[in-house]
Protein backbone atom coordinates (compact mmCIF):
# COMPACT_ATOMS: atom_id res chain seq x y z
CA MET A 1 93.70 89.43 72.75
CA ALA A 2 95.08 86.72 70.48
CA SER A 3 94.66 87.49 66.80
CA SER A 4 93.22 84.99 64.34
CA PHE A 5 95.43 83.10 61.93
CA PRO A 6 96.21 84.83 58.65
CA LYS A 7 94.21 83.38 55.78
CA HIS A 8 96.92 83.78 53.16
CA ARG A 9 98.97 80.78 52.15
CA PRO A 10 102.52 81.14 53.50
CA LYS A 11 105.27 81.15 50.95
CA ARG A 12 107.97 80.15 53.34
CA ARG A 13 108.33 78.21 56.57
CA PHE A 14 110.51 79.25 59.48
CA GLU A 15 112.21 76.62 61.64
CA LEU A 16 112.16 77.87 65.23
CA PRO A 17 115.10 76.45 67.22
CA PHE A 18 113.23 76.48 70.54
CA LEU A 19 110.17 74.68 69.14
CA SER A 20 111.70 71.31 70.05
CA TRP A 21 112.01 72.48 73.66
CA LEU A 22 108.39 73.59 73.75
CA ASN A 23 107.16 70.41 72.07
CA LEU A 24 106.92 68.58 75.40
CA ASP A 25 105.03 65.50 76.38
CA HIS A 26 102.69 67.32 78.73
CA GLN A 27 101.48 64.13 80.40
CA GLY A 28 105.10 63.12 80.87
CA LEU A 29 105.96 66.53 82.31
CA ARG A 30 103.00 66.35 84.68
CA ARG A 31 103.95 62.80 85.70
CA ARG A 32 107.61 63.66 86.26
CA TRP A 33 106.70 66.77 88.23
CA MET A 34 104.23 64.90 90.45
CA ILE A 35 106.55 61.94 91.02
CA ASN A 36 109.53 64.13 91.87
CA SER A 37 107.68 66.57 94.12
CA LEU A 38 105.52 63.97 95.88
CA THR A 39 108.45 61.62 96.37
CA ALA A 40 110.41 64.40 98.04
CA ILE A 41 107.45 65.34 100.25
CA LEU A 42 106.79 61.67 101.06
CA LEU A 43 110.39 61.13 102.12
CA ILE A 44 110.25 64.22 104.31
CA MET A 45 106.99 63.06 105.88
CA VAL A 46 108.37 59.56 106.53
CA ILE A 47 111.49 61.00 108.14
CA MET A 48 109.40 63.35 110.25
CA VAL A 49 107.01 60.59 111.38
CA VAL A 50 109.88 58.25 112.25
CA ALA A 51 111.70 61.03 114.09
CA LEU A 52 108.50 61.99 115.94
CA ALA A 53 107.85 58.35 116.91
CA MET A 54 111.39 57.96 118.20
CA LEU A 55 111.31 61.22 120.12
CA TYR A 56 107.87 60.56 121.60
CA SER A 57 108.67 56.98 122.58
CA SER A 58 111.95 58.10 124.08
CA TYR A 59 110.12 60.81 126.01
CA CYS A 60 107.46 58.39 127.27
CA TYR A 61 109.92 55.69 128.34
CA SER A 62 112.26 58.27 129.86
CA SER A 63 109.41 59.83 131.84
CA MET A 64 108.22 56.41 133.08
CA ARG A 65 111.76 55.37 133.99
CA SER A 66 112.40 58.62 135.89
CA GLY A 67 109.12 58.27 137.84
CA LEU A 68 109.80 54.63 138.75
CA GLU A 69 113.41 55.33 139.72
CA SER A 70 112.34 58.20 141.97
CA LYS A 71 109.59 56.12 143.59
CA ALA A 72 111.87 53.07 144.06
CA LYS A 73 114.74 55.16 145.44
CA SER A 74 112.61 56.93 148.03
CA ALA A 75 110.98 53.65 149.14
CA SER A 76 114.29 51.75 149.36
CA ASP A 77 115.82 54.56 151.38
CA PHE A 78 112.86 54.34 153.75
CA PHE A 79 113.31 50.56 154.15
CA SER A 80 117.03 50.84 154.76
CA SER A 81 116.33 51.88 158.37
CA TYR A 82 114.29 48.70 158.96
CA ALA A 83 116.89 46.33 157.52
CA THR A 84 118.54 45.75 160.92
CA ASP A 85 117.34 42.18 160.99
CA GLU A 86 115.45 39.92 158.62
CA SER A 87 112.26 39.57 160.69
CA THR A 88 111.77 43.34 161.02
CA TYR A 89 112.57 43.78 157.33
CA LEU A 90 110.03 41.13 156.25
CA SER A 91 107.37 42.44 158.62
CA MET A 92 107.69 45.99 157.21
CA ALA A 93 107.80 44.61 153.64
CA ASN A 94 104.51 42.71 154.20
CA TYR A 95 102.92 45.81 155.70
CA TYR A 96 104.15 48.01 152.81
CA ILE A 97 102.89 45.61 150.15
CA ASN A 98 99.47 45.27 151.75
CA ASP A 99 99.20 49.06 151.98
CA PHE A 100 100.64 49.66 148.42
CA ASP A 101 98.28 52.09 146.58
CA ASP A 102 99.57 51.56 143.01
CA ARG A 103 99.11 47.79 142.88
CA ASP A 104 96.73 48.20 139.88
CA LYS A 105 99.56 49.81 137.88
CA LEU A 106 102.76 48.45 139.38
CA ASP A 107 104.06 45.19 140.75
CA LEU A 108 106.09 45.83 143.90
CA GLN A 109 108.64 43.12 144.56
CA PHE A 110 111.10 42.54 147.36
CA ILE A 111 114.10 40.47 146.27
CA ASN A 112 116.87 39.01 148.34
CA THR A 113 120.57 39.26 147.59
CA ARG A 114 120.44 35.98 145.63
CA GLY A 115 117.99 37.51 143.14
CA GLN A 116 114.98 35.57 144.38
CA ILE A 117 111.52 37.11 144.93
CA ILE A 118 110.57 37.23 148.60
CA LEU A 119 107.30 39.15 148.38
CA SER A 120 105.21 40.46 145.46
CA SER A 121 102.15 42.73 145.33
CA TYR A 122 100.91 40.63 142.36
CA GLY A 123 101.24 37.47 144.45
CA LEU A 124 104.10 35.99 142.43
CA THR A 125 105.48 32.77 143.81
CA ALA A 126 108.18 33.35 146.40
CA GLY A 127 111.52 32.00 145.36
CA GLY A 128 111.11 32.86 141.70
CA THR A 129 114.08 34.41 139.96
CA PRO A 130 113.38 37.14 137.35
CA GLY A 131 117.00 36.98 136.19
CA THR A 132 117.12 40.49 134.69
CA ASN A 133 120.26 42.61 134.72
CA ASP A 134 118.64 45.46 136.69
CA ILE A 135 118.61 43.24 139.79
CA ASP A 136 122.25 42.19 139.36
CA SER A 137 123.30 45.81 138.77
CA ALA A 138 121.44 47.04 141.87
CA ILE A 139 123.11 44.33 144.08
CA THR A 140 126.57 44.64 142.56
CA ASN A 141 126.81 48.40 141.97
CA GLN A 142 124.46 49.50 144.77
CA THR A 143 122.72 51.88 142.35
CA VAL A 144 119.20 52.23 140.97
CA SER A 145 119.00 50.33 137.65
CA SER A 146 116.31 49.84 135.02
CA TRP A 147 115.49 47.21 132.40
CA VAL A 148 113.05 47.02 129.47
CA GLY A 149 112.10 43.72 127.88
CA ARG A 150 109.47 41.01 127.72
CA ASN A 151 108.00 39.11 130.61
CA PRO A 152 109.04 35.46 130.04
CA ASP A 153 105.72 34.22 131.39
CA THR A 154 103.30 36.50 129.52
CA ASN A 155 105.54 37.77 126.68
CA GLU A 156 104.33 41.28 127.59
CA ARG A 157 106.67 44.24 127.27
CA ILE A 158 107.57 45.52 130.73
CA MET A 159 109.83 48.04 132.40
CA ALA A 160 111.51 47.17 135.71
CA VAL A 161 113.43 49.44 138.09
CA SER A 162 115.47 47.95 140.95
CA SER A 163 116.78 49.95 143.91
CA PRO A 164 119.09 48.39 146.55
CA ILE A 165 118.13 48.39 150.27
CA ILE A 166 121.38 49.21 152.02
CA TYR A 167 122.16 49.04 155.71
CA ASN A 168 125.61 49.97 157.05
CA GLY A 169 127.00 49.86 153.50
CA GLU A 170 125.76 46.34 152.87
CA VAL A 171 122.97 45.38 150.48
CA ARG A 172 120.24 43.60 152.44
CA GLY A 173 117.84 43.25 149.52
CA VAL A 174 116.33 44.92 146.45
CA MET A 175 113.05 46.76 145.99
CA ARG A 176 111.83 46.27 142.45
CA LEU A 177 108.97 48.06 140.65
CA VAL A 178 107.59 46.44 137.47
CA THR A 179 105.07 48.02 135.09
CA SER A 180 103.53 47.02 131.77
CA LEU A 181 104.44 49.06 128.68
CA SER A 182 101.26 48.17 126.79
CA ILE A 183 99.52 51.45 127.63
CA ALA A 184 102.60 53.51 126.73
CA ASP A 185 103.05 51.51 123.53
CA ARG A 186 99.43 52.12 122.58
CA GLN A 187 99.89 55.85 123.18
CA ILE A 188 102.96 55.82 120.98
CA ILE A 189 101.10 53.90 118.25
CA VAL A 190 98.18 56.35 118.46
CA MET A 191 100.61 59.27 118.21
CA VAL A 192 102.36 57.69 115.20
CA LEU A 193 99.01 57.02 113.50
CA LEU A 194 97.94 60.60 114.17
CA ALA A 195 101.23 61.85 112.73
CA MET A 196 100.76 59.61 109.68
CA ALA A 197 97.23 60.97 109.21
CA VAL A 198 98.54 64.54 109.37
CA ALA A 199 101.29 63.59 106.90
CA ALA A 200 98.68 62.04 104.58
CA VAL A 201 96.59 65.22 104.74
CA ILE A 202 99.68 67.32 103.98
CA LEU A 203 100.54 64.98 101.09
CA CYS A 204 97.02 65.36 99.70
CA LEU A 205 97.20 69.15 99.99
CA VAL A 206 100.59 69.14 98.26
CA TYR A 207 99.13 66.92 95.53
CA ILE A 208 96.20 69.30 94.98
CA VAL A 209 98.46 72.36 94.99
CA ASN A 210 100.83 70.63 92.57
CA ILE A 211 97.99 69.78 90.22
CA TYR A 212 96.92 73.43 90.17
CA PHE A 213 100.49 74.64 89.81
CA ILE A 214 101.48 72.23 87.05
CA ARG A 215 98.26 73.08 85.22
CA SER A 216 99.22 76.75 85.37
CA ILE A 217 102.46 75.75 83.60
CA ILE A 218 101.16 73.07 81.22
CA GLU A 219 98.30 75.11 79.76
CA PRO A 220 100.46 78.14 78.80
CA ILE A 221 103.11 75.78 77.40
CA SER A 222 100.41 74.05 75.34
CA ARG A 223 99.31 77.40 73.94
CA ILE A 224 102.92 78.36 73.29
CA THR A 225 103.56 75.04 71.54
CA ASP A 226 100.49 75.42 69.32
CA THR A 227 101.35 79.01 68.49
CA THR A 228 105.00 78.31 67.68
CA ARG A 229 103.90 75.46 65.42
CA ALA A 230 101.56 77.87 63.68
CA ILE A 231 104.38 80.41 63.33
CA ALA A 232 106.71 77.72 62.01
CA GLY A 233 103.95 76.81 59.55
CA GLY A 234 103.82 80.34 58.20
CA SER A 235 101.16 82.09 60.32
CA TYR A 236 103.38 85.06 61.08
CA GLY A 237 102.06 87.75 63.40
CA ILE A 238 99.87 85.47 65.51
CA GLN A 239 99.85 86.44 69.20
CA ILE A 240 99.50 84.43 72.42
CA GLU A 241 97.18 85.72 75.15
CA LYS A 242 99.16 86.51 78.30
CA HIS A 243 97.74 85.67 81.73
CA TYR A 244 100.76 85.77 84.08
CA ASN A 245 103.50 88.30 84.71
CA ASP A 246 106.15 85.69 85.43
CA GLU A 247 108.82 83.77 83.50
CA ILE A 248 106.16 82.21 81.26
CA GLY A 249 104.70 85.67 80.72
CA SER A 250 108.15 86.90 79.69
CA LEU A 251 108.47 83.95 77.30
CA ILE A 252 105.07 84.76 75.81
CA ASP A 253 106.12 88.40 75.37
CA ALA A 254 109.31 87.27 73.63
CA ILE A 255 107.42 84.91 71.29
CA ASN A 256 104.78 87.56 70.52
CA ASN A 257 107.53 90.05 69.78
CA MET A 258 109.33 87.49 67.62
CA SER A 259 106.10 86.71 65.75
CA THR A 260 105.53 90.41 65.11
CA LYS A 261 109.12 90.91 63.96
CA ILE A 262 108.93 87.89 61.62
CA SER A 263 105.68 89.23 60.22
CA GLU A 264 107.21 92.67 59.69
CA THR A 265 110.34 91.14 58.16
CA GLU A 266 108.29 88.99 55.81
CA ARG A 267 106.21 91.98 54.81
CA MET A 268 109.29 94.14 54.22
CA LYS A 269 110.99 91.38 52.24
CA SER A 270 107.87 90.93 50.12
CA GLU A 271 107.78 94.67 49.50
CA PHE A 272 111.52 94.57 48.80
CA ILE A 273 111.15 91.78 46.24
CA SER A 274 108.28 93.63 44.60
CA SER A 275 110.26 96.89 44.65
CA VAL A 276 113.45 95.31 43.33
CA SER A 277 111.51 93.52 40.60
CA HIS A 278 110.03 96.84 39.54
CA GLU A 279 113.37 98.63 39.83
CA LEU A 280 115.10 95.99 37.72
CA ARG A 281 112.32 95.83 35.13
CA THR A 282 112.46 99.55 34.35
CA PRO A 283 116.15 99.80 33.34
CA LEU A 284 116.07 96.38 31.71
CA THR A 285 113.09 97.46 29.62
CA ALA A 286 114.96 100.60 28.52
CA ILE A 287 118.17 98.67 27.79
CA ASN A 288 116.36 95.92 25.86
CA GLY A 289 114.22 98.42 23.96
CA TRP A 290 117.08 100.62 22.82
CA SER A 291 119.34 97.63 22.11
CA GLU A 292 116.74 96.04 19.82
CA THR A 293 116.03 99.37 18.18
CA LEU A 294 119.72 100.02 17.48
CA LEU A 295 120.24 96.45 16.22
CA THR A 296 117.39 96.72 13.72
CA GLY A 297 119.02 99.77 12.17
CA GLU A 298 115.79 101.76 12.28
CA ILE A 299 117.69 104.72 13.77
CA THR A 300 120.50 105.99 11.56
CA ASP A 301 121.18 109.55 12.65
CA GLU A 302 124.17 109.90 14.95
CA GLU A 303 122.41 112.00 17.60
CA SER A 304 119.64 109.44 18.18
CA VAL A 305 122.16 106.59 18.28
CA ARG A 306 124.24 108.48 20.82
CA LYS A 307 121.14 109.20 22.89
CA GLY A 308 120.15 105.51 22.85
CA LEU A 309 123.64 104.41 23.86
CA SER A 310 123.67 107.03 26.63
CA ILE A 311 120.38 105.63 28.00
CA ILE A 312 121.76 102.09 27.85
CA VAL A 313 124.89 103.17 29.77
CA SER A 314 122.88 105.14 32.34
CA GLU A 315 120.43 102.32 32.97
CA GLY A 316 123.30 99.82 33.12
CA LYS A 317 124.89 101.91 35.86
CA ARG A 318 121.61 101.90 37.72
CA LEU A 319 121.50 98.13 37.52
CA SER A 320 125.11 97.87 38.70
CA LYS A 321 124.33 100.10 41.68
CA MET A 322 121.32 97.98 42.66
CA VAL A 323 123.31 94.78 42.36
CA GLU A 324 126.12 96.28 44.46
CA GLU A 325 123.63 97.27 47.15
CA LEU A 326 122.22 93.75 47.15
CA LEU A 327 125.74 92.35 47.51
CA GLU A 328 126.38 94.74 50.40
CA PHE A 329 123.19 93.52 52.06
CA SER A 330 124.31 89.91 51.60
CA ARG A 331 127.71 90.68 53.18
CA ILE A 332 126.08 92.37 56.16
CA GLU A 333 123.68 89.44 56.66
CA ASP A 334 126.53 86.91 56.47
CA GLY A 335 128.89 88.88 58.71
CA ARG A 336 131.39 89.37 55.88
CA PHE A 337 131.15 93.16 55.92
CA ALA A 338 134.62 94.68 56.31
CA LEU A 339 136.35 98.04 55.86
CA ASN A 340 139.82 99.04 54.70
CA VAL A 341 140.58 101.76 57.24
CA GLU A 342 143.34 104.24 56.47
CA PRO A 343 144.01 107.97 57.03
CA VAL A 344 141.51 109.95 54.92
CA ASP A 345 141.35 113.62 54.01
CA ILE A 346 137.66 113.88 54.85
CA GLN A 347 137.39 117.46 53.53
CA ALA A 348 138.75 116.49 50.14
CA GLU A 349 136.58 113.39 49.89
CA PHE A 350 133.40 115.25 50.78
CA GLU A 351 134.22 118.19 48.51
CA ASP A 352 134.80 115.78 45.60
CA ALA A 353 131.37 114.23 46.21
CA VAL A 354 129.78 117.69 46.40
CA PHE A 355 131.51 118.78 43.19
CA THR A 356 130.42 115.66 41.33
CA TYR A 357 126.79 115.95 42.42
CA ARG A 358 126.72 119.71 41.84
CA GLN A 359 127.44 119.05 38.16
CA PHE A 360 124.84 116.29 38.11
CA TYR A 361 122.24 118.43 39.91
CA ARG A 362 122.58 121.24 37.40
CA GLN A 363 121.07 119.01 34.76
CA GLN A 364 118.03 118.62 37.05
CA ASN A 365 117.87 122.32 38.00
CA ILE A 366 118.85 121.57 41.61
CA ARG A 367 121.11 123.95 43.53
CA LEU A 368 123.72 122.51 45.88
CA GLU A 369 125.21 124.92 48.42
CA TYR A 370 128.34 123.82 50.31
CA THR A 371 129.96 125.42 53.35
CA ASP A 372 133.22 124.35 55.01
CA ARG A 373 133.19 125.40 58.69
CA ALA A 374 135.86 122.98 59.89
CA GLY A 375 139.04 124.87 59.03
CA GLU A 376 142.22 122.81 58.82
CA LEU A 377 141.66 119.15 59.67
CA ASP A 378 144.15 116.33 59.98
CA PRO A 379 143.36 113.07 58.18
CA ILE A 380 140.88 110.89 60.06
CA PRO A 381 140.57 107.07 60.06
CA GLY A 382 138.20 105.86 57.37
CA ASP A 383 137.62 103.85 54.22
CA PRO A 384 137.68 106.30 51.27
CA GLU A 385 135.64 104.09 48.96
CA ARG A 386 132.98 103.39 51.58
CA LEU A 387 132.77 107.05 52.60
CA ARG A 388 132.23 108.05 48.95
CA GLN A 389 129.47 105.43 48.86
CA VAL A 390 127.84 107.02 51.92
CA PHE A 391 128.11 110.58 50.55
CA SER A 392 126.74 109.52 47.17
CA ASN A 393 123.80 107.71 48.69
CA VAL A 394 122.85 110.57 51.03
CA LEU A 395 123.20 113.22 48.28
CA ASP A 396 121.24 111.06 45.86
CA ASN A 397 118.43 110.64 48.44
CA ALA A 398 118.40 114.40 49.06
CA ALA A 399 117.79 114.98 45.34
CA LYS A 400 115.05 112.34 45.21
CA HIS A 401 113.18 113.70 48.24
CA GLY A 402 113.88 117.40 47.71
CA GLY A 403 110.40 118.13 46.40
CA GLU A 404 109.67 121.38 44.57
CA ASN A 405 112.18 123.43 46.58
CA GLN A 406 115.19 122.42 44.51
CA LEU A 407 117.83 123.37 47.07
CA ILE A 408 120.25 121.13 48.93
CA GLN A 409 122.58 122.45 51.61
CA ALA A 410 125.72 120.63 52.70
CA ASP A 411 128.27 121.69 55.29
CA LEU A 412 131.25 120.22 57.08
CA SER A 413 132.29 121.25 60.60
CA ALA A 414 134.32 119.92 63.53
CA ASP A 415 133.27 119.26 67.13
CA ARG A 416 136.63 119.86 68.84
CA GLU A 417 135.36 118.90 72.29
CA GLU A 418 134.16 115.46 71.27
CA GLU A 419 136.84 115.16 68.55
CA MET A 420 134.26 114.48 65.86
CA VAL A 421 133.92 115.62 62.26
CA VAL A 422 130.30 116.59 61.54
CA ILE A 423 128.79 116.47 58.04
CA ARG A 424 125.26 117.76 57.48
CA ILE A 425 123.19 117.42 54.32
CA ARG A 426 119.75 119.00 54.21
CA ASP A 427 117.07 119.11 51.56
CA HIS A 428 114.04 121.42 51.57
CA GLY A 429 111.41 118.87 50.68
CA PRO A 430 108.44 117.63 52.69
CA GLY A 431 110.61 115.77 55.20
CA VAL A 432 110.07 112.29 56.62
CA PRO A 433 106.70 111.34 58.22
CA GLU A 434 107.13 111.06 61.97
CA LYS A 435 105.99 107.44 62.00
CA ASP A 436 108.72 106.54 59.48
CA LEU A 437 111.61 108.35 61.22
CA PRO A 438 112.54 105.52 63.65
CA HIS A 439 112.65 102.98 60.79
CA VAL A 440 114.26 104.77 57.83
CA LYS A 441 117.65 103.08 58.47
CA GLU A 442 116.18 99.57 58.66
CA MET A 443 116.70 97.04 55.90
CA PHE A 444 113.98 97.06 53.18
CA TYR A 445 112.03 99.84 54.91
CA LYS A 446 110.51 102.34 52.51
CA GLY A 447 107.61 103.64 54.58
CA SER A 448 105.07 105.79 52.81
CA SER A 449 107.56 107.16 50.30
CA LYS A 450 106.64 106.78 46.61
CA VAL A 451 110.19 107.50 45.46
CA ARG A 452 111.89 104.63 43.69
CA GLY A 453 114.35 102.65 45.79
CA ASN A 454 114.90 99.28 47.42
CA GLY A 455 115.26 100.27 51.09
CA ILE A 456 118.86 99.06 51.40
CA GLY A 457 121.00 102.16 50.79
CA LEU A 458 120.57 103.93 54.12
CA ALA A 459 120.91 100.66 56.06
CA VAL A 460 124.26 100.00 54.37
CA CYS A 461 125.39 103.59 55.02
CA ASP A 462 124.50 103.31 58.69
CA GLU A 463 126.46 100.05 58.88
CA ILE A 464 129.52 101.71 57.32
CA ILE A 465 129.45 104.74 59.64
CA THR A 466 128.87 102.51 62.69
CA HIS A 467 131.90 100.35 61.75
CA LEU A 468 133.97 103.54 61.60
CA GLY A 469 132.92 104.43 65.16
CA GLY A 470 130.56 107.21 64.10
CA THR A 471 126.82 107.84 63.91
CA LEU A 472 124.34 108.56 61.14
CA ASP A 473 121.21 110.42 62.30
CA ILE A 474 118.18 111.37 60.22
CA SER A 475 115.67 113.96 61.39
CA ASN A 476 113.31 116.63 60.13
CA ALA A 477 114.94 120.05 59.99
CA PRO A 478 113.29 123.15 61.51
CA GLY A 479 111.39 124.92 58.75
CA GLY A 480 110.90 121.77 56.67
CA GLY A 481 113.00 119.23 54.88
CA CYS A 482 115.11 116.30 55.96
CA LEU A 483 118.47 116.65 57.75
CA VAL A 484 121.11 113.93 57.66
CA GLU A 485 123.94 114.31 60.19
CA ILE A 486 127.07 112.16 59.93
CA ARG A 487 129.55 112.22 62.82
CA LEU A 488 132.97 110.58 62.42
CA PRO A 489 135.74 110.32 65.05
CA MET A 490 138.94 112.24 64.35
CA THR A 491 141.07 109.52 65.92
CA PRO A 492 140.88 105.72 65.79
CA PRO A 493 138.50 104.25 68.41
CA ALA A 494 141.36 102.46 70.21
CA ALA A 495 143.27 105.71 70.65
CA GLN A 496 140.37 107.72 72.05
């Protein structure tokens, strides 16, 4: 479920680069979507209706033409045997017209070779000349011909088919069948209207589906827009309710994750600022206090003066270390973090760090046991200064978290199979809480630890070891305590 907005006043605003993309004119998006999709569907429907009308009209006219041509051809072939003389031909023509069964649908005409009507089932005046090219083609080419056009007397669309009556290879006349196209045209119009109605129904269904679909996009985008504005305004950690497992659902997951990460980052930075402020105040208070005391001349004995100066120097070193860690963090954030890699005697470097801290630990009654299990090792690629920084930080943390069991164990070994140098440092304190283990190397993370620190040291160490091609792992050791394992390659990464 979506969480409520935080009630605290934000101290800082984030500018989200994708907010401008999400800040859409939803009405404009809906309008563009509907226009584009409906226009495409409308064009498809128009094309389909036109194509259907053309195909259906072509089918109807073709069927009518084929039927008339077949009927005219069979009748003209029958009359060819009676075309021996004109009187017999006219007598049979009169008989055929009077007995013609399709006179309510067709006009049967007999035409002479001059193109003039001799007889007509519709009672057209003899001697009239239709003047259509189907008659000329039938007389000239001696083939069945058809014609579609308008009747000059009635302006009605008609179809005419003329078939020659041939006797001994000579055309004696033409049998012509004429029919009105009004019924066929009405059928075509009805079919087109029906197709248009179906297209309109489909268009309406597409419109309804599009409305539902675009709403399923617009509403989540509206929620995303409102939430990202709230995040940009400082309401970090707010979550968007997810309804769909699709691309929008993935976007919501990403924004929720981003919101959580920003919230965690802000919290860690706030804790970091508070921690650093406290860390800086303590040595500054000691330095200022002893400096003012020494300046007033209240302390005159040499031992007390030396002690005060020693505290000032020690606290000054602490301040320098904190500032250096902050600078390291800044370099990592800006991408300016770099190493000076050269061949390093890793055994000597680590032994120097152990020796230095062993002397330091003695003052705190901490025992440091060191074991070298590696044997002879060739120099490995590394940055001596950065490695000393890593060793110092890990050994210093071991002392801070060692608890009452004041024992720290360090050893160096070699993994010959993987060509890695392995350095392990273990304390015998309470260890790291399991919930903190995955985060101890993150910037500013301090977890539940009450030990003083700013949460940068281990993150910088991990960055250094990673740049050298190695790994830094932190875990709880069997039997208690924390174990830090550093693995460094024996050869440069490019040569492995």
